[in-house]
Amino acid sequence: CLDPILIARALVDYYPQDCRFIPLRQGQRIYVYAMLKDHGNLFWMGSAENGDQEARLGHFPSSSVEEMHPLMPASVEVKTDVSIPDLLSLKLET
């Protein structure tokens, strides 16, 4: 299980280009689980509070949210040879 590292709030509506990203509505509460950085683009992984609907985990640009409440330190940096574009281009097997 992953625990969220912070709670954020959506600053703007965000409409994703594909299913790996989650849509955000302005003012919506977001639970952030990871912060991903690649070539200056900063993406976060989290879930949006959707009222009655089941929460979905996905990516969104960090510029679309503001940090509201840190829940744990987010200072651990994990090095990898895989870039975000490479990671996002992987096809999921069903």
C-alpha atoms as a PDB file:
ATOM      1  CA  CYS A   1       0.000   0.000   0.000  1.00  0.00           C
ATOM      2  CA  LEU A   2       1.104   3.501  -0.737  1.00  0.00           C
ATOM      3  CA  ASP A   3       0.509   6.302   1.723  1.00  0.00           C
ATOM      4  CA  PRO A   4      -0.015   9.830   0.388  1.00  0.00           C
ATOM      5  CA  ILE A   5       2.849  12.252   0.968  1.00  0.00           C
ATOM      6  CA  LEU A   6       0.687  15.363   0.772  1.00  0.00           C
ATOM      7  CA  ILE A   7      -2.763  16.743   0.108  1.00  0.00           C
ATOM      8  CA  ALA A   8      -3.104  19.292  -2.685  1.00  0.00           C
ATOM      9  CA  ARG A   9      -5.918  21.286  -4.284  1.00  0.00           C
ATOM     10  CA  ALA A  10      -6.484  21.669  -8.017  1.00  0.00           C
ATOM     11  CA  LEU A  11      -5.902  25.255  -9.161  1.00  0.00           C
ATOM     12  CA  VAL A  12      -7.426  24.728 -12.607  1.00  0.00           C
ATOM     13  CA  ASP A  13      -9.399  22.162 -14.533  1.00  0.00           C
ATOM     14  CA  TYR A  14      -7.055  19.661 -16.193  1.00  0.00           C
ATOM     15  CA  TYR A  15      -8.196  17.446 -19.066  1.00  0.00           C
ATOM     16  CA  PRO A  16      -5.793  14.533 -19.674  1.00  0.00           C
ATOM     17  CA  GLN A  17      -4.711  13.375 -23.113  1.00  0.00           C
ATOM     18  CA  ASP A  18      -4.911   9.662 -22.271  1.00  0.00           C
ATOM     19  CA  CYS A  19      -5.859   7.175 -19.550  1.00  0.00           C
ATOM     20  CA  ARG A  20      -2.522   7.348 -17.672  1.00  0.00           C
ATOM     21  CA  PHE A  21      -3.407  10.836 -16.448  1.00  0.00           C
ATOM     22  CA  ILE A  22      -6.350  11.831 -14.265  1.00  0.00           C
ATOM     23  CA  PRO A  23      -8.763  14.695 -14.852  1.00  0.00           C
ATOM     24  CA  LEU A  24      -8.854  17.437 -12.232  1.00  0.00           C
ATOM     25  CA  ARG A  25     -11.538  19.986 -11.422  1.00  0.00           C
ATOM     26  CA  GLN A  26     -10.648  23.359  -9.923  1.00  0.00           C
ATOM     27  CA  GLY A  27     -10.900  23.185  -6.123  1.00  0.00           C
ATOM     28  CA  GLN A  28     -10.820  19.382  -6.038  1.00  0.00           C
ATOM     29  CA  ARG A  29      -8.788  17.708  -3.251  1.00  0.00           C
ATOM     30  CA  ILE A  30      -5.875  15.601  -4.556  1.00  0.00           C
ATOM     31  CA  TYR A  31      -3.941  12.956  -2.616  1.00  0.00           C
ATOM     32  CA  VAL A  32      -0.331  12.943  -3.880  1.00  0.00           C
ATOM     33  CA  TYR A  33       1.623   9.667  -3.704  1.00  0.00           C
ATOM     34  CA  ALA A  34       4.732  10.452  -5.771  1.00  0.00           C
ATOM     35  CA  MET A  35       6.492  13.380  -7.415  1.00  0.00           C
ATOM     36  CA  LEU A  36       8.141  12.502 -10.724  1.00  0.00           C
ATOM     37  CA  LYS A  37      10.648  14.761 -12.442  1.00  0.00           C
ATOM     38  CA  ASP A  38      12.075  14.366 -15.941  1.00  0.00           C
ATOM     39  CA  HIS A  39      13.894  16.943 -18.087  1.00  0.00           C
ATOM     40  CA  GLY A  40      12.390  19.887 -16.194  1.00  0.00           C
ATOM     41  CA  ASN A  41       8.796  18.654 -16.464  1.00  0.00           C
ATOM     42  CA  LEU A  42       7.331  17.875 -13.084  1.00  0.00           C
ATOM     43  CA  PHE A  43       4.529  15.321 -12.862  1.00  0.00           C
ATOM     44  CA  TRP A  44       2.890  14.038  -9.744  1.00  0.00           C
ATOM     45  CA  MET A  45       1.023  10.795  -9.215  1.00  0.00           C
ATOM     46  CA  GLY A  46      -2.100  10.830  -7.124  1.00  0.00           C
ATOM     47  CA  SER A  47      -5.824  10.373  -6.856  1.00  0.00           C
ATOM     48  CA  ALA A  48      -8.578  12.968  -6.984  1.00  0.00           C
ATOM     49  CA  GLU A  49     -11.434  13.019  -4.523  1.00  0.00           C
ATOM     50  CA  ASN A  50     -14.526  12.237  -6.608  1.00  0.00           C
ATOM     51  CA  GLY A  51     -17.397  12.179  -4.142  1.00  0.00           C
ATOM     52  CA  ASP A  52     -19.452   9.064  -4.883  1.00  0.00           C
ATOM     53  CA  GLN A  53     -17.139   7.698  -7.580  1.00  0.00           C
ATOM     54  CA  GLU A  54     -14.209   5.395  -6.895  1.00  0.00           C
ATOM     55  CA  ALA A  55     -10.879   7.253  -6.837  1.00  0.00           C
ATOM     56  CA  ARG A  56      -8.537   6.569  -9.739  1.00  0.00           C
ATOM     57  CA  LEU A  57      -4.738   6.741  -9.508  1.00  0.00           C
ATOM     58  CA  GLY A  58      -2.898   8.611 -12.267  1.00  0.00           C
ATOM     59  CA  HIS A  59      -0.494  11.387 -13.236  1.00  0.00           C
ATOM     60  CA  PHE A  60      -1.057  15.131 -13.567  1.00  0.00           C
ATOM     61  CA  PRO A  61       1.210  18.190 -13.976  1.00  0.00           C
ATOM     62  CA  SER A  62       2.303  19.688 -10.671  1.00  0.00           C
ATOM     63  CA  SER A  63       1.551  23.163 -12.032  1.00  0.00           C
ATOM     64  CA  SER A  64      -2.168  22.336 -11.952  1.00  0.00           C
ATOM     65  CA  VAL A  65      -2.265  21.973  -8.135  1.00  0.00           C
ATOM     66  CA  GLU A  66      -1.132  23.733  -4.975  1.00  0.00           C
ATOM     67  CA  GLU A  67       0.242  21.966  -1.912  1.00  0.00           C
ATOM     68  CA  MET A  68      -2.129  22.199   1.031  1.00  0.00           C
ATOM     69  CA  HIS A  69      -0.965  19.815   3.743  1.00  0.00           C
ATOM     70  CA  PRO A  70       2.244  17.727   3.795  1.00  0.00           C
ATOM     71  CA  LEU A  71       1.708  14.294   5.350  1.00  0.00           C
ATOM     72  CA  MET A  72       5.269  12.962   5.259  1.00  0.00           C
ATOM     73  CA  PRO A  73       8.699  14.085   4.001  1.00  0.00           C
ATOM     74  CA  ALA A  74       9.084  13.872   0.228  1.00  0.00           C
ATOM     75  CA  SER A  75      12.851  14.204   0.126  1.00  0.00           C
ATOM     76  CA  VAL A  76      13.743  10.712  -1.100  1.00  0.00           C
ATOM     77  CA  GLU A  77      15.011  10.741  -4.673  1.00  0.00           C
ATOM     78  CA  VAL A  78      15.209   7.447  -6.530  1.00  0.00           C
ATOM     79  CA  LYS A  79      17.487   7.322  -9.576  1.00  0.00           C
ATOM     80  CA  THR A  80      16.352   5.358 -12.604  1.00  0.00           C
ATOM     81  CA  ASP A  81      17.461   4.783 -16.176  1.00  0.00           C
ATOM     82  CA  VAL A  82      13.893   5.042 -17.435  1.00  0.00           C
ATOM     83  CA  SER A  83      12.623   8.490 -18.393  1.00  0.00           C
ATOM     84  CA  ILE A  84       9.024   9.593 -17.897  1.00  0.00           C
ATOM     85  CA  PRO A  85       8.281   9.538 -21.672  1.00  0.00           C
ATOM     86  CA  ASP A  86       9.698   5.995 -21.869  1.00  0.00           C
ATOM     87  CA  LEU A  87       7.677   4.939 -18.849  1.00  0.00           C
ATOM     88  CA  LEU A  88       4.483   6.461 -20.205  1.00  0.00           C
ATOM     89  CA  SER A  89       4.972   4.820 -23.589  1.00  0.00           C
ATOM     90  CA  LEU A  90       4.946   1.305 -22.103  1.00  0.00           C
ATOM     91  CA  LYS A  91       1.842  -0.633 -23.035  1.00  0.00           C
ATOM     92  CA  LEU A  92      -0.070  -2.267 -20.230  1.00  0.00           C
ATOM     93  CA  GLU A  93      -0.682  -5.979 -20.670  1.00  0.00           C
ATOM     94  CA  THR A  94      -4.199  -7.180 -19.976  1.00  0.00           C
END
